[in-house]
Amino acid sequence: MSIFSSIKNAIFGHKAKAATPPAAAAPPAASTAPAAIPVAPAEPAAISEVDVEANLTAMGAGKDLNWKTSIVDLMKLLGIDSSLANRKELATELGYTGDLDGSAEMNIWLHKATMRQLAANGGKVPAAMVD
């Protein structure tokens, strides 16, 4: 699995777990009742409903991490190894063309590119995090 996929799944999966309603018990069928008419299942919520900032804020409650601007802190929050090797791999996945040296420039680019990709994959991301 790619580093970006791990990031996306950690954020979008958090939403899916929180939004899953408990299963309702079906009422017992009466023996004299007519045959039940099948009902189409409800359509799943659109993936564009995933509020990235809200999910990350909830995940980061009580933690001293600056995930809104730091790719290292974002990865730490999600339980993903934030080592230079993994950030280099993420940079390659997302098309970074600069030096893969872990510089502030690379890390800032990585954070914004990650947020842009989350938005492109159905996440609701504040404009300040992608510009």
N, C-alpha and C. Protein backbone atom coordinates (compact mmCIF):
# COMPACT_ATOMS: atom_id res chain seq x y z
N MET A 1 0.85 -1.17 0.00
CA MET A 1 0.00 0.00 0.00
C MET A 1 0.90 1.24 0.00
N SER A 2 0.52 2.22 -0.77
CA SER A 2 1.30 3.44 -0.85
C SER A 2 1.15 4.27 0.43
N ILE A 3 2.08 5.18 0.64
CA ILE A 3 2.02 6.05 1.81
C ILE A 3 0.76 6.92 1.74
N PHE A 4 0.47 7.48 0.56
CA PHE A 4 -0.73 8.31 0.45
C PHE A 4 -1.98 7.49 0.73
N SER A 5 -2.06 6.27 0.23
CA SER A 5 -3.23 5.43 0.50
C SER A 5 -3.39 5.19 2.00
N SER A 6 -2.28 5.01 2.69
CA SER A 6 -2.34 4.83 4.14
C SER A 6 -2.90 6.08 4.82
N ILE A 7 -2.47 7.25 4.35
CA ILE A 7 -2.96 8.52 4.91
C ILE A 7 -4.46 8.65 4.65
N LYS A 8 -4.85 8.44 3.40
CA LYS A 8 -6.25 8.58 3.01
C LYS A 8 -7.14 7.60 3.79
N ASN A 9 -6.71 6.35 3.87
CA ASN A 9 -7.51 5.35 4.57
C ASN A 9 -7.63 5.66 6.06
N ALA A 10 -6.58 6.19 6.65
CA ALA A 10 -6.62 6.53 8.07
C ALA A 10 -7.62 7.65 8.32
N ILE A 11 -7.69 8.62 7.42
CA ILE A 11 -8.60 9.76 7.59
C ILE A 11 -10.02 9.39 7.18
N PHE A 12 -10.18 8.81 6.01
CA PHE A 12 -11.51 8.48 5.51
C PHE A 12 -12.11 7.32 6.29
N GLY A 13 -11.28 6.39 6.73
CA GLY A 13 -11.76 5.26 7.52
C GLY A 13 -12.29 5.72 8.86
N HIS A 14 -11.68 6.75 9.43
CA HIS A 14 -12.13 7.32 10.71
C HIS A 14 -13.56 7.82 10.56
N LYS A 15 -13.87 8.44 9.44
CA LYS A 15 -15.22 8.96 9.17
C LYS A 15 -16.20 7.80 9.04
N ALA A 16 -15.79 6.75 8.32
CA ALA A 16 -16.70 5.62 8.09
C ALA A 16 -17.07 4.94 9.40
N LYS A 17 -16.10 4.79 10.29
CA LYS A 17 -16.38 4.15 11.57
C LYS A 17 -17.31 5.01 12.41
N ALA A 18 -17.11 6.30 12.40
CA ALA A 18 -17.93 7.20 13.20
C ALA A 18 -19.34 7.32 12.66
N ALA A 19 -19.51 7.16 11.35
CA ALA A 19 -20.81 7.37 10.73
C ALA A 19 -21.63 6.09 10.61
N THR A 20 -21.08 4.95 10.96
CA THR A 20 -21.81 3.70 10.82
C THR A 20 -22.88 3.59 11.89
N PRO A 21 -24.15 3.58 11.51
CA PRO A 21 -25.21 3.48 12.51
C PRO A 21 -25.34 2.05 13.01
N PRO A 22 -25.82 1.88 14.24
CA PRO A 22 -26.01 0.52 14.73
C PRO A 22 -27.10 -0.16 13.93
N ALA A 23 -27.00 -1.46 13.78
CA ALA A 23 -27.99 -2.22 13.01
C ALA A 23 -29.29 -2.28 13.79
N ALA A 24 -30.38 -2.07 13.09
CA ALA A 24 -31.70 -2.14 13.73
C ALA A 24 -32.21 -3.57 13.62
N ALA A 25 -32.80 -4.04 14.68
CA ALA A 25 -33.34 -5.39 14.67
C ALA A 25 -34.62 -5.41 13.86
N ALA A 26 -34.77 -6.42 13.02
CA ALA A 26 -35.97 -6.54 12.21
C ALA A 26 -37.09 -7.11 13.07
N PRO A 27 -38.32 -6.60 12.90
CA PRO A 27 -39.43 -7.14 13.69
C PRO A 27 -39.72 -8.57 13.26
N PRO A 28 -40.16 -9.41 14.17
CA PRO A 28 -40.46 -10.80 13.81
C PRO A 28 -41.60 -10.84 12.80
N ALA A 29 -41.49 -11.76 11.86
CA ALA A 29 -42.51 -11.89 10.82
C ALA A 29 -43.70 -12.68 11.37
N ALA A 30 -44.90 -12.22 11.09
CA ALA A 30 -46.10 -12.94 11.50
C ALA A 30 -46.39 -14.02 10.47
N SER A 31 -46.89 -15.14 10.90
CA SER A 31 -47.11 -16.27 10.00
C SER A 31 -48.24 -16.00 9.02
N THR A 32 -49.15 -15.08 9.34
CA THR A 32 -50.26 -14.79 8.44
C THR A 32 -50.01 -13.57 7.58
N ALA A 33 -48.87 -12.96 7.71
CA ALA A 33 -48.57 -11.74 6.94
C ALA A 33 -48.28 -12.10 5.49
N PRO A 34 -48.64 -11.21 4.58
CA PRO A 34 -48.31 -11.45 3.17
C PRO A 34 -46.79 -11.38 2.97
N ALA A 35 -46.35 -11.92 1.86
CA ALA A 35 -44.91 -11.91 1.56
C ALA A 35 -44.40 -10.47 1.55
N ALA A 36 -43.23 -10.29 2.13
CA ALA A 36 -42.64 -8.95 2.20
C ALA A 36 -42.18 -8.48 0.84
N ILE A 37 -42.36 -7.21 0.58
CA ILE A 37 -41.89 -6.61 -0.67
C ILE A 37 -40.46 -6.15 -0.43
N PRO A 38 -39.52 -6.58 -1.28
CA PRO A 38 -38.13 -6.17 -1.07
C PRO A 38 -37.99 -4.65 -1.17
N VAL A 39 -37.20 -4.11 -0.27
CA VAL A 39 -36.94 -2.67 -0.27
C VAL A 39 -35.49 -2.45 -0.69
N ALA A 40 -35.28 -1.51 -1.59
CA ALA A 40 -33.91 -1.22 -2.05
C ALA A 40 -33.11 -0.67 -0.87
N PRO A 41 -31.87 -1.11 -0.71
CA PRO A 41 -31.05 -0.59 0.39
C PRO A 41 -30.76 0.89 0.17
N ALA A 42 -30.59 1.60 1.26
CA ALA A 42 -30.25 3.01 1.17
C ALA A 42 -28.90 3.17 0.50
N GLU A 43 -28.76 4.17 -0.32
CA GLU A 43 -27.49 4.41 -0.98
C GLU A 43 -26.47 4.89 0.03
N PRO A 44 -25.20 4.44 -0.10
CA PRO A 44 -24.19 4.90 0.85
C PRO A 44 -23.94 6.40 0.68
N ALA A 45 -23.48 7.03 1.75
CA ALA A 45 -23.18 8.46 1.69
C ALA A 45 -22.07 8.70 0.67
N ALA A 46 -22.18 9.78 -0.05
CA ALA A 46 -21.16 10.12 -1.04
C ALA A 46 -19.82 10.35 -0.34
N ILE A 47 -18.75 9.91 -1.01
CA ILE A 47 -17.43 10.05 -0.39
C ILE A 47 -17.04 11.50 -0.22
N SER A 48 -17.66 12.39 -0.99
CA SER A 48 -17.34 13.82 -0.86
C SER A 48 -17.80 14.39 0.48
N GLU A 49 -18.49 13.60 1.26
CA GLU A 49 -18.97 14.04 2.55
C GLU A 49 -17.87 13.98 3.62
N VAL A 50 -16.71 13.45 3.32
CA VAL A 50 -15.66 13.30 4.32
C VAL A 50 -15.02 14.64 4.62
N ASP A 51 -15.20 15.11 5.86
CA ASP A 51 -14.64 16.38 6.30
C ASP A 51 -13.27 16.10 6.91
N VAL A 52 -12.24 16.30 6.12
CA VAL A 52 -10.87 15.98 6.52
C VAL A 52 -10.47 16.73 7.79
N GLU A 53 -10.73 18.03 7.83
CA GLU A 53 -10.33 18.82 8.99
C GLU A 53 -11.05 18.35 10.26
N ALA A 54 -12.34 18.08 10.16
CA ALA A 54 -13.10 17.62 11.33
C ALA A 54 -12.57 16.28 11.83
N ASN A 55 -12.29 15.36 10.91
CA ASN A 55 -11.78 14.05 11.31
C ASN A 55 -10.42 14.19 12.00
N LEU A 56 -9.55 14.98 11.40
CA LEU A 56 -8.21 15.14 11.98
C LEU A 56 -8.27 15.88 13.32
N THR A 57 -9.17 16.85 13.42
CA THR A 57 -9.32 17.55 14.70
C THR A 57 -9.77 16.59 15.78
N ALA A 58 -10.71 15.73 15.46
CA ALA A 58 -11.19 14.74 16.43
C ALA A 58 -10.08 13.75 16.80
N MET A 59 -9.33 13.32 15.81
CA MET A 59 -8.24 12.38 16.06
C MET A 59 -7.13 13.02 16.89
N GLY A 60 -6.93 14.32 16.71
CA GLY A 60 -5.84 15.02 17.38
C GLY A 60 -6.19 15.61 18.73
N ALA A 61 -7.43 15.41 19.18
CA ALA A 61 -7.85 15.96 20.46
C ALA A 61 -6.93 15.49 21.58
N GLY A 62 -6.39 16.44 22.32
CA GLY A 62 -5.52 16.12 23.44
C GLY A 62 -4.09 15.81 23.07
N LYS A 63 -3.76 15.92 21.79
CA LYS A 63 -2.39 15.65 21.34
C LYS A 63 -1.75 16.97 20.92
N ASP A 64 -0.48 17.12 21.21
CA ASP A 64 0.24 18.35 20.88
C ASP A 64 0.94 18.18 19.53
N LEU A 65 0.14 18.16 18.46
CA LEU A 65 0.68 17.99 17.11
C LEU A 65 0.15 19.11 16.21
N ASN A 66 1.03 19.65 15.38
CA ASN A 66 0.67 20.72 14.46
C ASN A 66 0.37 20.12 13.08
N TRP A 67 -0.63 19.26 13.00
CA TRP A 67 -0.96 18.54 11.77
C TRP A 67 -1.50 19.45 10.67
N LYS A 68 -1.96 20.66 11.01
CA LYS A 68 -2.52 21.56 10.01
C LYS A 68 -1.48 22.11 9.06
N THR A 69 -0.20 22.12 9.47
CA THR A 69 0.86 22.63 8.59
C THR A 69 2.05 21.70 8.46
N SER A 70 2.17 20.71 9.33
CA SER A 70 3.35 19.85 9.35
C SER A 70 3.03 18.44 8.84
N ILE A 71 3.72 18.03 7.79
CA ILE A 71 3.53 16.68 7.26
C ILE A 71 4.00 15.64 8.28
N VAL A 72 5.06 15.96 9.02
CA VAL A 72 5.58 15.03 10.04
C VAL A 72 4.52 14.81 11.12
N ASP A 73 3.94 15.91 11.63
CA ASP A 73 2.91 15.78 12.66
C ASP A 73 1.65 15.12 12.14
N LEU A 74 1.29 15.39 10.89
CA LEU A 74 0.13 14.74 10.28
C LEU A 74 0.34 13.22 10.25
N MET A 75 1.51 12.80 9.80
CA MET A 75 1.80 11.37 9.73
C MET A 75 1.82 10.74 11.13
N LYS A 76 2.40 11.45 12.11
CA LYS A 76 2.42 10.95 13.48
C LYS A 76 1.00 10.78 14.01
N LEU A 77 0.14 11.77 13.75
CA LEU A 77 -1.24 11.71 14.20
C LEU A 77 -1.95 10.47 13.66
N LEU A 78 -1.63 10.12 12.43
CA LEU A 78 -2.28 8.98 11.77
C LEU A 78 -1.61 7.65 12.07
N GLY A 79 -0.54 7.68 12.85
CA GLY A 79 0.16 6.45 13.19
C GLY A 79 1.00 5.90 12.04
N ILE A 80 1.45 6.80 11.17
CA ILE A 80 2.27 6.42 10.01
C ILE A 80 3.69 6.89 10.26
N ASP A 81 4.65 6.05 9.97
CA ASP A 81 6.07 6.37 10.15
C ASP A 81 6.40 7.65 9.38
N SER A 82 6.89 8.66 10.11
CA SER A 82 7.18 9.96 9.48
C SER A 82 8.67 10.12 9.16
N SER A 83 9.38 9.02 9.05
CA SER A 83 10.81 9.07 8.77
C SER A 83 11.08 9.73 7.42
N LEU A 84 12.30 10.18 7.24
CA LEU A 84 12.69 10.80 5.97
C LEU A 84 12.48 9.82 4.81
N ALA A 85 12.76 8.56 5.03
CA ALA A 85 12.58 7.57 3.96
C ALA A 85 11.11 7.52 3.51
N ASN A 86 10.19 7.53 4.46
CA ASN A 86 8.77 7.50 4.10
C ASN A 86 8.32 8.80 3.46
N ARG A 87 8.86 9.93 3.93
CA ARG A 87 8.50 11.21 3.31
C ARG A 87 9.07 11.29 1.89
N LYS A 88 10.24 10.72 1.66
CA LYS A 88 10.80 10.67 0.30
C LYS A 88 9.89 9.84 -0.60
N GLU A 89 9.42 8.70 -0.07
CA GLU A 89 8.52 7.84 -0.84
C GLU A 89 7.21 8.57 -1.17
N LEU A 90 6.66 9.28 -0.19
CA LEU A 90 5.44 10.06 -0.41
C LEU A 90 5.68 11.15 -1.44
N ALA A 91 6.81 11.82 -1.34
CA ALA A 91 7.16 12.87 -2.30
C ALA A 91 7.23 12.31 -3.72
N THR A 92 7.80 11.15 -3.87
CA THR A 92 7.89 10.51 -5.18
C THR A 92 6.49 10.15 -5.69
N GLU A 93 5.66 9.59 -4.82
CA GLU A 93 4.27 9.24 -5.19
C GLU A 93 3.50 10.44 -5.69
N LEU A 94 3.69 11.58 -5.02
CA LEU A 94 2.91 12.77 -5.34
C LEU A 94 3.55 13.66 -6.40
N GLY A 95 4.71 13.28 -6.91
CA GLY A 95 5.32 13.99 -8.03
C GLY A 95 6.23 15.14 -7.68
N TYR A 96 6.82 15.12 -6.49
CA TYR A 96 7.75 16.19 -6.10
C TYR A 96 8.99 16.12 -6.98
N THR A 97 9.45 17.28 -7.49
CA THR A 97 10.59 17.30 -8.41
C THR A 97 11.84 17.92 -7.80
N GLY A 98 11.74 18.42 -6.56
CA GLY A 98 12.90 19.03 -5.92
C GLY A 98 13.80 17.98 -5.28
N ASP A 99 14.78 18.46 -4.53
CA ASP A 99 15.68 17.56 -3.82
C ASP A 99 14.93 16.84 -2.71
N LEU A 100 15.16 15.54 -2.62
CA LEU A 100 14.53 14.72 -1.58
C LEU A 100 15.43 14.71 -0.35
N ASP A 101 15.55 15.89 0.26
CA ASP A 101 16.50 16.04 1.36
C ASP A 101 15.83 16.32 2.71
N GLY A 102 14.51 16.31 2.75
CA GLY A 102 13.81 16.56 4.00
C GLY A 102 13.78 18.02 4.40
N SER A 103 14.04 18.90 3.45
CA SER A 103 14.08 20.34 3.73
C SER A 103 12.69 20.85 4.08
N ALA A 104 12.66 22.04 4.65
CA ALA A 104 11.38 22.67 4.95
C ALA A 104 10.56 22.83 3.67
N GLU A 105 11.23 23.19 2.57
CA GLU A 105 10.54 23.35 1.29
C GLU A 105 9.84 22.05 0.88
N MET A 106 10.55 20.94 0.99
CA MET A 106 9.97 19.65 0.63
C MET A 106 8.79 19.31 1.55
N ASN A 107 8.96 19.52 2.85
CA ASN A 107 7.92 19.17 3.80
C ASN A 107 6.66 20.02 3.65
N ILE A 108 6.84 21.30 3.37
CA ILE A 108 5.69 22.19 3.14
C ILE A 108 4.96 21.75 1.88
N TRP A 109 5.72 21.47 0.82
CA TRP A 109 5.13 21.00 -0.43
C TRP A 109 4.37 19.70 -0.20
N LEU A 110 4.97 18.79 0.56
CA LEU A 110 4.32 17.49 0.83
C LEU A 110 2.99 17.66 1.54
N HIS A 111 2.95 18.54 2.54
CA HIS A 111 1.70 18.73 3.28
C HIS A 111 0.61 19.27 2.36
N LYS A 112 0.94 20.28 1.57
CA LYS A 112 -0.06 20.87 0.66
C LYS A 112 -0.48 19.88 -0.42
N ALA A 113 0.48 19.14 -0.96
CA ALA A 113 0.17 18.15 -2.00
C ALA A 113 -0.71 17.03 -1.43
N THR A 114 -0.43 16.63 -0.20
CA THR A 114 -1.24 15.60 0.45
C THR A 114 -2.67 16.09 0.61
N MET A 115 -2.83 17.32 1.07
CA MET A 115 -4.17 17.89 1.25
C MET A 115 -4.90 18.03 -0.09
N ARG A 116 -4.16 18.43 -1.14
CA ARG A 116 -4.77 18.53 -2.47
C ARG A 116 -5.25 17.17 -2.95
N GLN A 117 -4.45 16.13 -2.70
CA GLN A 117 -4.83 14.78 -3.11
C GLN A 117 -6.03 14.27 -2.32
N LEU A 118 -6.08 14.60 -1.03
CA LEU A 118 -7.25 14.22 -0.23
C LEU A 118 -8.51 14.87 -0.80
N ALA A 119 -8.39 16.15 -1.18
CA ALA A 119 -9.52 16.87 -1.78
C ALA A 119 -9.91 16.23 -3.11
N ALA A 120 -8.92 15.85 -3.90
CA ALA A 120 -9.19 15.23 -5.21
C ALA A 120 -9.82 13.85 -5.07
N ASN A 121 -9.65 13.23 -3.91
CA ASN A 121 -10.19 11.91 -3.68
C ASN A 121 -11.46 11.93 -2.84
N GLY A 122 -12.13 13.07 -2.78
CA GLY A 122 -13.41 13.14 -2.12
C GLY A 122 -13.42 13.75 -0.74
N GLY A 123 -12.31 14.33 -0.32
CA GLY A 123 -12.27 14.96 1.00
C GLY A 123 -12.61 16.43 0.93
N LYS A 124 -13.20 16.92 1.99
CA LYS A 124 -13.49 18.35 2.12
C LYS A 124 -12.33 18.94 2.92
N VAL A 125 -11.49 19.75 2.25
CA VAL A 125 -10.28 20.30 2.84
C VAL A 125 -10.35 21.82 2.76
N PRO A 126 -10.08 22.53 3.86
CA PRO A 126 -10.10 23.99 3.82
C PRO A 126 -9.09 24.54 2.80
N ALA A 127 -9.46 25.60 2.11
CA ALA A 127 -8.61 26.19 1.07
C ALA A 127 -7.22 26.56 1.61
N ALA A 128 -7.15 27.01 2.85
CA ALA A 128 -5.87 27.42 3.42
C ALA A 128 -4.89 26.26 3.49
N MET A 129 -5.38 25.03 3.51
CA MET A 129 -4.48 23.88 3.61
C MET A 129 -4.01 23.37 2.25
N VAL A 130 -4.59 23.87 1.18
CA VAL A 130 -4.18 23.41 -0.16
C VAL A 130 -3.48 24.47 -0.98
N ASP A 131 -3.54 25.72 -0.56
CA ASP A 131 -2.91 26.82 -1.31
C ASP A 131 -1.47 26.98 -0.93
